[in-house]
Amino acid sequence: MQQVVCVWVRDPRIQKNDFWHAYVDYEICLHTDSVCFTKKMSSVRRRYSEFVWLRQKLQANSLLMAQLPELPPKNPFFSMNNAQQISERMSGLQEFLKQILQSPLVLSDSCMHLFLQSDLSVSKIEACAAGRTRFSVTQAVRRCGLRRFHSEEDLQKVLGMCCDSDSDSSECRDPEPQIKDTEINKAESTAPLDLMGPGQEETVCCSSGST
């Protein structure tokens, strides 16, 4: 029996540390019926540099036994005013997650679970995974309150949308996003970047065989 993991990266927002420093982060939504995950539904926000940290950490933890996919390359000319650049990076981050979640070795890594299902910083993720915190990995995941959906019924709806129930192979759909031009509102400390029209969230599902 196959277990389904649906993950998508959406809702880029500008976060301002102060007047001079700002960055873009993204919402990572995950819905699954896999026994590998503590939560079946979760939503967290991460920035590009945290994805870079995750890949380096997973590669080190796997002792080179798993060849990880590449992240979208760092662009020295990346601009928060460029909707196309943000959209391309967002799609690349989503593809990265889609691929690593197909690896049983990665699915057993505590850092990956904390990255996807907790609001801990990367330094606290490292400490928690190493057992240097007063709370466990499971406790850190369970106490994270960011969830886009809140019921088992919502989960089943999402899984139904992700996977074609008429397909015996349980292959999942990969709809193309519809991108439109946007202007970024710099007046707000947290500004959503509307790169896709209403109802056009790009959802990617991947199936992993259960043992």
N, C-alpha and C. Protein backbone atom coordinates (compact mmCIF):
# COMPACT_ATOMS: atom_id res chain seq x y z
N MET A 1 0.84 -1.20 0.00
CA MET A 1 0.00 0.00 0.00
C MET A 1 0.87 1.25 0.00
N GLN A 2 0.58 2.16 -0.91
CA GLN A 2 1.37 3.37 -1.01
C GLN A 2 0.87 4.44 -0.04
N GLN A 3 1.82 5.17 0.50
CA GLN A 3 1.50 6.30 1.36
C GLN A 3 1.82 7.58 0.62
N VAL A 4 0.99 8.57 0.80
CA VAL A 4 1.07 9.80 0.01
C VAL A 4 1.63 10.94 0.84
N VAL A 5 2.56 11.67 0.26
CA VAL A 5 3.07 12.90 0.86
C VAL A 5 2.85 14.03 -0.14
N CYS A 6 2.02 14.98 0.23
CA CYS A 6 1.75 16.14 -0.62
C CYS A 6 2.47 17.35 -0.02
N VAL A 7 3.26 18.01 -0.81
CA VAL A 7 4.00 19.17 -0.33
C VAL A 7 3.96 20.26 -1.38
N TRP A 8 3.78 21.49 -0.93
CA TRP A 8 3.90 22.60 -1.86
C TRP A 8 4.45 23.82 -1.15
N VAL A 9 5.12 24.65 -1.94
CA VAL A 9 5.72 25.89 -1.45
C VAL A 9 4.94 27.03 -2.08
N ARG A 10 4.46 27.95 -1.24
CA ARG A 10 3.54 28.98 -1.72
C ARG A 10 3.71 30.26 -0.90
N ASP A 11 2.93 31.24 -1.23
CA ASP A 11 2.76 32.46 -0.44
C ASP A 11 4.09 33.13 -0.06
N PRO A 12 4.89 33.57 -1.03
CA PRO A 12 6.12 34.30 -0.68
C PRO A 12 5.78 35.64 -0.04
N ARG A 13 6.51 35.96 1.02
CA ARG A 13 6.27 37.22 1.73
C ARG A 13 7.60 37.90 2.06
N ILE A 14 7.58 39.21 2.03
CA ILE A 14 8.75 39.99 2.42
C ILE A 14 8.73 40.17 3.94
N GLN A 15 9.82 39.79 4.57
CA GLN A 15 9.99 39.98 6.01
C GLN A 15 11.09 41.02 6.22
N LYS A 16 10.81 42.04 7.00
CA LYS A 16 11.79 43.10 7.24
C LYS A 16 12.35 43.00 8.65
N ASN A 17 13.68 42.85 8.73
CA ASN A 17 14.34 42.89 10.03
C ASN A 17 14.42 44.32 10.54
N ASP A 18 14.73 45.23 9.64
CA ASP A 18 14.78 46.65 9.95
C ASP A 18 14.64 47.41 8.64
N PHE A 19 14.92 48.70 8.67
CA PHE A 19 14.71 49.53 7.48
C PHE A 19 15.60 49.09 6.31
N TRP A 20 16.79 48.57 6.62
CA TRP A 20 17.76 48.26 5.58
C TRP A 20 17.79 46.78 5.18
N HIS A 21 17.29 45.91 6.03
CA HIS A 21 17.45 44.48 5.77
C HIS A 21 16.09 43.80 5.65
N ALA A 22 15.91 43.08 4.56
CA ALA A 22 14.67 42.34 4.32
C ALA A 22 14.99 41.06 3.56
N TYR A 23 14.08 40.12 3.62
CA TYR A 23 14.25 38.87 2.90
C TYR A 23 12.87 38.32 2.56
N VAL A 24 12.84 37.33 1.68
CA VAL A 24 11.59 36.67 1.30
C VAL A 24 11.55 35.30 1.95
N ASP A 25 10.44 34.97 2.59
CA ASP A 25 10.26 33.59 3.04
C ASP A 25 9.01 33.00 2.38
N TYR A 26 8.86 31.69 2.53
CA TYR A 26 7.81 30.95 1.81
C TYR A 26 7.10 30.02 2.78
N GLU A 27 5.83 29.80 2.52
CA GLU A 27 5.08 28.85 3.32
C GLU A 27 5.25 27.45 2.74
N ILE A 28 5.57 26.50 3.60
CA ILE A 28 5.66 25.09 3.19
C ILE A 28 4.47 24.36 3.80
N CYS A 29 3.58 23.89 2.96
CA CYS A 29 2.41 23.12 3.41
C CYS A 29 2.65 21.65 3.13
N LEU A 30 2.36 20.83 4.11
CA LEU A 30 2.54 19.39 3.95
C LEU A 30 1.30 18.66 4.45
N HIS A 31 0.83 17.73 3.64
CA HIS A 31 -0.30 16.87 3.99
C HIS A 31 0.06 15.44 3.63
N THR A 32 -0.15 14.53 4.53
CA THR A 32 0.30 13.17 4.30
C THR A 32 -0.51 12.16 5.10
N ASP A 33 -0.49 10.93 4.63
CA ASP A 33 -1.01 9.82 5.43
C ASP A 33 0.13 8.85 5.78
N SER A 34 1.37 9.33 5.62
CA SER A 34 2.54 8.49 5.89
C SER A 34 2.79 8.36 7.39
N VAL A 35 3.16 7.16 7.80
CA VAL A 35 3.47 6.92 9.21
C VAL A 35 4.81 7.54 9.60
N CYS A 36 5.56 8.03 8.62
CA CYS A 36 6.87 8.63 8.90
C CYS A 36 6.74 9.98 9.61
N PHE A 37 5.58 10.62 9.48
CA PHE A 37 5.41 11.97 9.99
C PHE A 37 4.57 11.99 11.27
N THR A 38 4.98 12.84 12.21
CA THR A 38 4.24 12.99 13.46
C THR A 38 2.90 13.65 13.21
N LYS A 39 2.90 14.70 12.38
CA LYS A 39 1.68 15.40 12.01
C LYS A 39 1.29 15.05 10.59
N LYS A 40 0.01 14.91 10.37
CA LYS A 40 -0.48 14.63 9.03
C LYS A 40 -0.72 15.91 8.24
N MET A 41 -0.78 17.04 8.94
CA MET A 41 -0.96 18.34 8.30
C MET A 41 -0.06 19.34 9.00
N SER A 42 0.65 20.14 8.24
CA SER A 42 1.50 21.16 8.86
C SER A 42 1.75 22.30 7.90
N SER A 43 2.14 23.43 8.46
CA SER A 43 2.45 24.61 7.67
C SER A 43 3.49 25.43 8.42
N VAL A 44 4.62 25.68 7.77
CA VAL A 44 5.68 26.49 8.37
C VAL A 44 6.22 27.46 7.32
N ARG A 45 6.97 28.44 7.76
CA ARG A 45 7.59 29.39 6.84
C ARG A 45 9.10 29.25 6.92
N ARG A 46 9.75 29.21 5.76
CA ARG A 46 11.20 29.10 5.69
C ARG A 46 11.73 30.02 4.59
N ARG A 47 12.98 30.47 4.76
CA ARG A 47 13.63 31.30 3.76
C ARG A 47 14.67 30.48 3.00
N TYR A 48 15.18 31.04 1.92
CA TYR A 48 16.09 30.31 1.03
C TYR A 48 17.33 29.82 1.78
N SER A 49 17.92 30.67 2.63
CA SER A 49 19.14 30.27 3.33
C SER A 49 18.91 29.06 4.23
N GLU A 50 17.69 28.89 4.73
CA GLU A 50 17.38 27.73 5.56
C GLU A 50 17.31 26.46 4.71
N PHE A 51 16.84 26.59 3.47
CA PHE A 51 16.88 25.45 2.55
C PHE A 51 18.32 25.04 2.27
N VAL A 52 19.20 26.03 2.11
CA VAL A 52 20.62 25.74 1.88
C VAL A 52 21.19 24.97 3.07
N TRP A 53 20.86 25.43 4.28
CA TRP A 53 21.31 24.72 5.48
C TRP A 53 20.78 23.30 5.51
N LEU A 54 19.50 23.11 5.18
CA LEU A 54 18.90 21.78 5.21
C LEU A 54 19.62 20.83 4.28
N ARG A 55 19.89 21.27 3.07
CA ARG A 55 20.56 20.38 2.12
C ARG A 55 21.94 19.98 2.62
N GLN A 56 22.69 20.95 3.15
CA GLN A 56 24.02 20.65 3.67
C GLN A 56 23.94 19.67 4.84
N LYS A 57 22.95 19.86 5.70
CA LYS A 57 22.79 19.00 6.87
C LYS A 57 22.40 17.59 6.45
N LEU A 58 21.46 17.48 5.54
CA LEU A 58 21.03 16.15 5.08
C LEU A 58 22.17 15.42 4.38
N GLN A 59 22.95 16.15 3.60
CA GLN A 59 24.07 15.52 2.91
C GLN A 59 25.10 15.01 3.91
N ALA A 60 25.37 15.79 4.95
CA ALA A 60 26.32 15.36 5.97
C ALA A 60 25.79 14.18 6.77
N ASN A 61 24.51 14.23 7.11
CA ASN A 61 23.92 13.15 7.92
C ASN A 61 23.82 11.84 7.16
N SER A 62 23.67 11.92 5.84
CA SER A 62 23.54 10.70 5.05
C SER A 62 24.88 10.05 4.75
N LEU A 63 25.98 10.73 5.14
CA LEU A 63 27.34 10.21 4.90
C LEU A 63 27.55 9.88 3.42
N LEU A 64 26.98 10.74 2.58
CA LEU A 64 27.12 10.64 1.12
C LEU A 64 26.47 9.38 0.55
N MET A 65 25.62 8.71 1.34
CA MET A 65 24.94 7.52 0.83
C MET A 65 23.75 7.89 -0.05
N ALA A 66 23.32 9.13 0.01
CA ALA A 66 22.21 9.60 -0.82
C ALA A 66 22.66 10.82 -1.60
N GLN A 67 22.40 10.81 -2.90
CA GLN A 67 22.72 11.96 -3.74
C GLN A 67 21.52 12.89 -3.75
N LEU A 68 21.65 14.03 -3.12
CA LEU A 68 20.52 14.94 -3.00
C LEU A 68 20.39 15.82 -4.23
N PRO A 69 19.16 16.19 -4.58
CA PRO A 69 18.97 17.10 -5.71
C PRO A 69 19.51 18.48 -5.38
N GLU A 70 19.74 19.26 -6.41
CA GLU A 70 20.25 20.61 -6.22
C GLU A 70 19.12 21.58 -5.90
N LEU A 71 19.46 22.61 -5.17
CA LEU A 71 18.55 23.72 -4.94
C LEU A 71 18.63 24.69 -6.12
N PRO A 72 17.63 25.54 -6.29
CA PRO A 72 17.78 26.59 -7.29
C PRO A 72 19.02 27.42 -6.95
N PRO A 73 19.84 27.76 -7.93
CA PRO A 73 21.11 28.43 -7.63
C PRO A 73 20.92 29.80 -7.00
N LYS A 74 21.89 30.16 -6.17
CA LYS A 74 21.87 31.49 -5.57
C LYS A 74 22.17 32.52 -6.64
N ASN A 75 21.35 33.54 -6.70
CA ASN A 75 21.48 34.57 -7.72
C ASN A 75 21.95 35.87 -7.07
N PRO A 76 23.17 36.33 -7.40
CA PRO A 76 23.66 37.58 -6.79
C PRO A 76 22.83 38.79 -7.18
N PHE A 77 22.03 38.64 -8.25
CA PHE A 77 21.20 39.75 -8.71
C PHE A 77 19.72 39.51 -8.36
N PHE A 78 19.48 38.61 -7.41
CA PHE A 78 18.10 38.32 -7.01
C PHE A 78 17.44 39.58 -6.45
N SER A 79 16.23 39.85 -6.91
CA SER A 79 15.53 41.06 -6.49
C SER A 79 14.15 40.70 -5.97
N MET A 80 13.79 41.28 -4.84
CA MET A 80 12.46 41.06 -4.28
C MET A 80 11.40 41.79 -5.09
N ASN A 81 11.83 42.63 -6.04
CA ASN A 81 10.89 43.32 -6.92
C ASN A 81 10.59 42.52 -8.18
N ASN A 82 11.31 41.41 -8.37
CA ASN A 82 11.18 40.64 -9.60
C ASN A 82 10.31 39.41 -9.34
N ALA A 83 9.06 39.48 -9.77
CA ALA A 83 8.11 38.39 -9.52
C ALA A 83 8.53 37.10 -10.19
N GLN A 84 9.14 37.20 -11.37
CA GLN A 84 9.55 35.99 -12.08
C GLN A 84 10.67 35.27 -11.33
N GLN A 85 11.64 36.02 -10.82
CA GLN A 85 12.72 35.41 -10.06
C GLN A 85 12.19 34.71 -8.81
N ILE A 86 11.27 35.35 -8.12
CA ILE A 86 10.70 34.76 -6.92
C ILE A 86 9.91 33.50 -7.25
N SER A 87 9.14 33.55 -8.33
CA SER A 87 8.35 32.39 -8.73
C SER A 87 9.24 31.22 -9.13
N GLU A 88 10.31 31.50 -9.86
CA GLU A 88 11.23 30.43 -10.28
C GLU A 88 11.92 29.81 -9.07
N ARG A 89 12.32 30.64 -8.12
CA ARG A 89 12.96 30.11 -6.92
C ARG A 89 11.96 29.27 -6.12
N MET A 90 10.74 29.74 -5.99
CA MET A 90 9.71 29.02 -5.25
C MET A 90 9.45 27.65 -5.88
N SER A 91 9.37 27.60 -7.19
CA SER A 91 9.16 26.33 -7.89
C SER A 91 10.35 25.39 -7.69
N GLY A 92 11.56 25.95 -7.71
CA GLY A 92 12.75 25.14 -7.50
C GLY A 92 12.83 24.56 -6.10
N LEU A 93 12.42 25.35 -5.10
CA LEU A 93 12.41 24.86 -3.72
C LEU A 93 11.38 23.74 -3.56
N GLN A 94 10.25 23.90 -4.21
CA GLN A 94 9.22 22.86 -4.14
C GLN A 94 9.69 21.57 -4.79
N GLU A 95 10.34 21.68 -5.93
CA GLU A 95 10.85 20.49 -6.61
C GLU A 95 11.91 19.79 -5.75
N PHE A 96 12.73 20.57 -5.07
CA PHE A 96 13.73 20.00 -4.17
C PHE A 96 13.07 19.17 -3.07
N LEU A 97 12.04 19.73 -2.43
CA LEU A 97 11.34 18.99 -1.38
C LEU A 97 10.66 17.75 -1.94
N LYS A 98 10.06 17.89 -3.10
CA LYS A 98 9.37 16.75 -3.71
C LYS A 98 10.33 15.58 -3.90
N GLN A 99 11.54 15.87 -4.33
CA GLN A 99 12.49 14.80 -4.61
C GLN A 99 13.07 14.19 -3.34
N ILE A 100 13.43 15.02 -2.36
CA ILE A 100 14.05 14.44 -1.16
C ILE A 100 13.05 13.62 -0.35
N LEU A 101 11.77 13.95 -0.45
CA LEU A 101 10.76 13.21 0.31
C LEU A 101 10.49 11.83 -0.28
N GLN A 102 11.12 11.51 -1.39
CA GLN A 102 11.01 10.18 -1.96
C GLN A 102 12.12 9.26 -1.46
N SER A 103 13.04 9.80 -0.66
CA SER A 103 14.17 9.02 -0.16
C SER A 103 13.89 8.49 1.25
N PRO A 104 13.87 7.17 1.45
CA PRO A 104 13.67 6.61 2.79
C PRO A 104 14.74 7.08 3.78
N LEU A 105 15.96 7.30 3.29
CA LEU A 105 17.03 7.76 4.17
C LEU A 105 16.74 9.16 4.70
N VAL A 106 16.25 10.03 3.83
CA VAL A 106 15.92 11.40 4.24
C VAL A 106 14.71 11.39 5.17
N LEU A 107 13.74 10.52 4.90
CA LEU A 107 12.54 10.46 5.73
C LEU A 107 12.84 10.04 7.17
N SER A 108 14.00 9.46 7.40
CA SER A 108 14.38 9.05 8.75
C SER A 108 15.20 10.11 9.47
N ASP A 109 15.44 11.26 8.82
CA ASP A 109 16.29 12.30 9.39
C ASP A 109 15.48 13.28 10.24
N SER A 110 15.86 13.44 11.49
CA SER A 110 15.13 14.32 12.41
C SER A 110 15.18 15.78 11.97
N CYS A 111 16.30 16.20 11.39
CA CYS A 111 16.41 17.60 10.96
C CYS A 111 15.39 17.92 9.87
N MET A 112 15.16 16.97 8.98
CA MET A 112 14.17 17.19 7.92
C MET A 112 12.77 17.36 8.51
N HIS A 113 12.42 16.53 9.49
CA HIS A 113 11.10 16.62 10.11
C HIS A 113 10.93 17.94 10.86
N LEU A 114 11.95 18.37 11.57
CA LEU A 114 11.87 19.63 12.30
C LEU A 114 11.82 20.82 11.34
N PHE A 115 12.52 20.71 10.22
CA PHE A 115 12.49 21.77 9.22
C PHE A 115 11.09 21.94 8.64
N LEU A 116 10.43 20.82 8.35
CA LEU A 116 9.13 20.85 7.68
C LEU A 116 7.96 21.05 8.63
N GLN A 117 8.12 20.65 9.90
CA GLN A 117 6.94 20.60 10.76
C GLN A 117 7.13 21.27 12.12
N SER A 118 8.15 22.12 12.25
CA SER A 118 8.30 22.90 13.47
C SER A 118 8.69 24.32 13.10
N ASP A 119 8.55 25.23 14.06
CA ASP A 119 8.95 26.62 13.81
C ASP A 119 10.30 26.94 14.45
N LEU A 120 11.10 25.92 14.73
CA LEU A 120 12.42 26.12 15.32
C LEU A 120 13.38 26.75 14.32
N SER A 121 14.30 27.56 14.82
CA SER A 121 15.38 28.07 13.98
C SER A 121 16.34 26.93 13.66
N VAL A 122 17.23 27.14 12.69
CA VAL A 122 18.13 26.06 12.31
C VAL A 122 19.08 25.69 13.45
N SER A 123 19.48 26.66 14.26
CA SER A 123 20.36 26.33 15.39
C SER A 123 19.64 25.48 16.42
N LYS A 124 18.36 25.77 16.65
CA LYS A 124 17.59 24.97 17.60
C LYS A 124 17.24 23.61 17.02
N ILE A 125 17.07 23.55 15.70
CA ILE A 125 16.85 22.25 15.06
C ILE A 125 18.05 21.34 15.30
N GLU A 126 19.25 21.88 15.10
CA GLU A 126 20.46 21.10 15.33
C GLU A 126 20.55 20.63 16.77
N ALA A 127 20.23 21.53 17.70
CA ALA A 127 20.31 21.18 19.12
C ALA A 127 19.28 20.11 19.47
N CYS A 128 18.07 20.26 18.97
CA CYS A 128 17.01 19.30 19.26
C CYS A 128 17.33 17.93 18.68
N ALA A 129 17.79 17.91 17.44
CA ALA A 129 18.12 16.64 16.79
C ALA A 129 19.26 15.93 17.49
N ALA A 130 20.14 16.71 18.14
CA ALA A 130 21.28 16.13 18.86
C ALA A 130 20.93 15.81 20.31
N GLY A 131 19.69 16.07 20.72
CA GLY A 131 19.28 15.77 22.09
C GLY A 131 19.74 16.77 23.11
N ARG A 132 20.02 18.01 22.67
CA ARG A 132 20.53 19.03 23.59
C ARG A 132 19.45 20.01 24.03
N THR A 133 18.19 19.65 23.87
CA THR A 133 17.09 20.50 24.32
C THR A 133 16.24 19.74 25.32
N ARG A 134 15.41 20.48 26.05
CA ARG A 134 14.54 19.85 27.05
C ARG A 134 13.33 19.19 26.42
N PHE A 135 13.14 19.41 25.13
CA PHE A 135 12.02 18.81 24.42
C PHE A 135 12.54 17.91 23.32
N SER A 136 11.75 16.91 22.98
CA SER A 136 12.13 15.95 21.94
C SER A 136 11.71 16.46 20.57
N VAL A 137 12.12 15.74 19.54
CA VAL A 137 11.72 16.08 18.17
C VAL A 137 10.20 16.03 18.04
N THR A 138 9.60 14.97 18.57
CA THR A 138 8.15 14.82 18.49
C THR A 138 7.43 15.96 19.21
N GLN A 139 7.93 16.34 20.38
CA GLN A 139 7.31 17.44 21.13
C GLN A 139 7.43 18.76 20.38
N ALA A 140 8.58 18.99 19.74
CA ALA A 140 8.77 20.22 18.97
C ALA A 140 7.80 20.30 17.81
N VAL A 141 7.56 19.18 17.16
CA VAL A 141 6.63 19.15 16.03
C VAL A 141 5.20 19.37 16.51
N ARG A 142 4.83 18.71 17.58
CA ARG A 142 3.44 18.79 18.06
C ARG A 142 3.08 20.17 18.59
N ARG A 143 4.05 20.89 19.11
CA ARG A 143 3.73 22.19 19.69
C ARG A 143 3.68 23.31 18.65
N CYS A 144 4.09 23.01 17.43
CA CYS A 144 4.03 24.01 16.36
C CYS A 144 2.57 24.21 15.97
N GLY A 145 2.08 25.44 16.09
CA GLY A 145 0.66 25.70 15.90
C GLY A 145 0.27 26.12 14.50
N LEU A 146 1.23 26.26 13.58
CA LEU A 146 0.90 26.73 12.25
C LEU A 146 0.36 25.59 11.41
N ARG A 147 -0.95 25.60 11.17
CA ARG A 147 -1.57 24.58 10.33
C ARG A 147 -2.56 25.25 9.39
N ARG A 148 -2.44 24.94 8.13
CA ARG A 148 -3.33 25.55 7.15
C ARG A 148 -4.71 24.91 7.19
N PHE A 149 -4.77 23.62 7.51
CA PHE A 149 -6.03 22.92 7.62
C PHE A 149 -6.09 22.25 8.98
N HIS A 150 -7.27 22.00 9.48
CA HIS A 150 -7.39 21.63 10.88
C HIS A 150 -8.19 20.36 11.14
N SER A 151 -8.58 19.63 10.14
CA SER A 151 -9.40 18.46 10.39
C SER A 151 -9.01 17.32 9.47
N GLU A 152 -9.39 16.12 9.87
CA GLU A 152 -9.14 14.95 9.04
C GLU A 152 -9.90 15.06 7.73
N GLU A 153 -11.08 15.68 7.77
CA GLU A 153 -11.86 15.86 6.55
C GLU A 153 -11.12 16.74 5.55
N ASP A 154 -10.47 17.81 6.07
CA ASP A 154 -9.68 18.66 5.20
C ASP A 154 -8.53 17.89 4.57
N LEU A 155 -7.89 17.03 5.37
CA LEU A 155 -6.78 16.23 4.87
C LEU A 155 -7.23 15.34 3.73
N GLN A 156 -8.36 14.67 3.90
CA GLN A 156 -8.85 13.77 2.87
C GLN A 156 -9.19 14.53 1.59
N LYS A 157 -9.71 15.76 1.74
CA LYS A 157 -10.01 16.57 0.57
C LYS A 157 -8.74 16.90 -0.20
N VAL A 158 -7.68 17.27 0.54
CA VAL A 158 -6.42 17.62 -0.10
C VAL A 158 -5.81 16.41 -0.79
N LEU A 159 -5.80 15.27 -0.08
CA LEU A 159 -5.24 14.06 -0.68
C LEU A 159 -6.04 13.66 -1.91
N GLY A 160 -7.35 13.88 -1.87
CA GLY A 160 -8.18 13.56 -3.02
C GLY A 160 -7.87 14.45 -4.20
N MET A 161 -7.56 15.73 -3.92
CA MET A 161 -7.19 16.66 -4.98
C MET A 161 -5.82 16.34 -5.55
N CYS A 162 -4.91 15.88 -4.67
CA CYS A 162 -3.54 15.63 -5.10
C CYS A 162 -3.45 14.41 -5.99
N CYS A 163 -4.15 13.35 -5.62
CA CYS A 163 -3.96 12.07 -6.29
C CYS A 163 -5.20 11.65 -7.05
N ASP A 164 -5.00 11.07 -8.19
CA ASP A 164 -6.09 10.62 -9.04
C ASP A 164 -6.60 9.29 -8.51
N SER A 165 -7.79 9.29 -7.93
CA SER A 165 -8.31 8.08 -7.32
C SER A 165 -8.63 7.00 -8.35
N ASP A 166 -8.75 7.40 -9.62
CA ASP A 166 -9.04 6.42 -10.66
C ASP A 166 -7.79 5.72 -11.17
N SER A 167 -6.64 6.17 -10.70
CA SER A 167 -5.38 5.60 -11.18
C SER A 167 -4.92 4.50 -10.25
N ASP A 168 -4.66 3.32 -10.79
CA ASP A 168 -4.19 2.21 -9.97
C ASP A 168 -2.80 2.45 -9.44
N SER A 169 -2.01 3.24 -10.16
CA SER A 169 -0.64 3.47 -9.75
C SER A 169 -0.52 4.59 -8.73
N SER A 170 -1.63 5.25 -8.42
CA SER A 170 -1.64 6.36 -7.46
C SER A 170 -0.68 7.47 -7.84
N GLU A 171 -0.49 7.68 -9.14
CA GLU A 171 0.35 8.78 -9.57
C GLU A 171 -0.37 10.09 -9.29
N CYS A 172 0.40 11.11 -8.99
CA CYS A 172 -0.18 12.37 -8.56
C CYS A 172 -0.04 13.44 -9.62
N ARG A 173 -0.96 14.34 -9.60
CA ARG A 173 -0.99 15.41 -10.57
C ARG A 173 0.03 16.47 -10.23
N ASP A 174 0.52 17.12 -11.26
CA ASP A 174 1.49 18.19 -11.08
C ASP A 174 1.06 19.37 -11.93
N PRO A 175 0.03 20.10 -11.50
CA PRO A 175 -0.50 21.19 -12.32
C PRO A 175 0.50 22.31 -12.47
N GLU A 176 0.45 22.95 -13.62
CA GLU A 176 1.33 24.08 -13.87
C GLU A 176 0.76 25.33 -13.21
N PRO A 177 1.62 26.11 -12.55
CA PRO A 177 1.14 27.34 -11.94
C PRO A 177 0.85 28.39 -12.98
N GLN A 178 -0.07 29.28 -12.70
CA GLN A 178 -0.34 30.40 -13.58
C GLN A 178 0.23 31.64 -12.92
N ILE A 179 1.27 32.19 -13.54
CA ILE A 179 2.00 33.31 -12.96
C ILE A 179 1.49 34.61 -13.56
N LYS A 180 1.38 35.60 -12.71
CA LYS A 180 1.00 36.91 -13.21
C LYS A 180 1.90 37.96 -12.59
N ASP A 181 2.03 39.09 -13.27
CA ASP A 181 2.88 40.16 -12.77
C ASP A 181 2.29 40.75 -11.51
N THR A 182 3.17 41.23 -10.65
CA THR A 182 2.70 41.80 -9.39
C THR A 182 3.62 42.91 -8.96
N GLU A 183 3.10 43.82 -8.16
CA GLU A 183 3.90 44.85 -7.53
C GLU A 183 3.98 44.55 -6.05
N ILE A 184 5.14 44.78 -5.47
CA ILE A 184 5.36 44.48 -4.06
C ILE A 184 5.10 45.73 -3.23
N ASN A 185 4.28 45.56 -2.22
CA ASN A 185 3.97 46.66 -1.33
C ASN A 185 5.05 46.77 -0.27
N LYS A 186 5.91 47.76 -0.38
CA LYS A 186 7.02 47.90 0.54
C LYS A 186 6.61 48.60 1.83
N ALA A 187 5.40 49.10 1.89
CA ALA A 187 4.99 49.85 3.07
C ALA A 187 4.74 48.95 4.26
N GLU A 188 4.45 47.67 4.03
CA GLU A 188 4.15 46.75 5.11
C GLU A 188 5.38 45.96 5.49
N SER A 189 5.49 45.61 6.78
CA SER A 189 6.64 44.84 7.24
C SER A 189 6.59 43.42 6.73
N THR A 190 5.39 42.88 6.51
CA THR A 190 5.24 41.56 5.93
C THR A 190 4.29 41.69 4.75
N ALA A 191 4.82 41.57 3.54
CA ALA A 191 4.01 41.82 2.36
C ALA A 191 3.86 40.55 1.55
N PRO A 192 2.63 40.08 1.31
CA PRO A 192 2.44 38.91 0.47
C PRO A 192 2.71 39.24 -0.98
N LEU A 193 3.30 38.30 -1.70
CA LEU A 193 3.58 38.48 -3.11
C LEU A 193 2.64 37.60 -3.89
N ASP A 194 1.67 38.20 -4.54
CA ASP A 194 0.62 37.44 -5.23
C ASP A 194 1.11 37.02 -6.60
N LEU A 195 1.81 35.87 -6.65
CA LEU A 195 2.37 35.40 -7.91
C LEU A 195 1.41 34.52 -8.69
N MET A 196 0.38 34.00 -8.02
CA MET A 196 -0.56 33.11 -8.68
C MET A 196 -1.97 33.58 -8.40
N GLY A 197 -2.84 33.39 -9.34
CA GLY A 197 -4.22 33.80 -9.19
C GLY A 197 -4.93 32.97 -8.15
N PRO A 198 -6.11 33.41 -7.71
CA PRO A 198 -6.88 32.67 -6.72
C PRO A 198 -7.16 31.25 -7.18
N GLY A 199 -6.95 30.31 -6.27
CA GLY A 199 -7.24 28.92 -6.59
C GLY A 199 -6.20 28.25 -7.45
N GLN A 200 -5.06 28.95 -7.69
CA GLN A 200 -4.05 28.39 -8.58
C GLN A 200 -2.81 27.96 -7.82
N GLU A 201 -2.96 27.51 -6.58
CA GLU A 201 -1.83 27.02 -5.83
C GLU A 201 -1.26 25.79 -6.50
N GLU A 202 0.06 25.74 -6.60
CA GLU A 202 0.71 24.60 -7.25
C GLU A 202 0.94 23.52 -6.22
N THR A 203 0.33 22.38 -6.40
CA THR A 203 0.43 21.29 -5.45
C THR A 203 1.19 20.13 -6.07
N VAL A 204 2.12 19.59 -5.32
CA VAL A 204 2.89 18.45 -5.80
C VAL A 204 2.77 17.33 -4.79
N CYS A 205 2.49 16.15 -5.25
CA CYS A 205 2.39 14.99 -4.38
C CYS A 205 3.41 13.96 -4.81
N CYS A 206 3.92 13.25 -3.85
CA CYS A 206 4.79 12.14 -4.18
C CYS A 206 4.38 10.96 -3.33
N SER A 207 4.48 9.79 -3.89
CA SER A 207 4.07 8.58 -3.19
C SER A 207 5.29 7.81 -2.74
N SER A 208 5.23 7.30 -1.54
CA SER A 208 6.32 6.47 -1.03
C SER A 208 5.75 5.15 -0.57
N GLY A 209 6.38 4.08 -0.96
CA GLY A 209 5.89 2.76 -0.58
C GLY A 209 6.09 2.49 0.89
N SER A 210 5.11 1.92 1.53
CA SER A 210 5.23 1.58 2.95
C SER A 210 5.83 0.20 3.09
N THR A 211 6.46 -0.04 4.24
CA THR A 211 7.08 -1.33 4.47
C THR A 211 6.25 -2.14 5.44
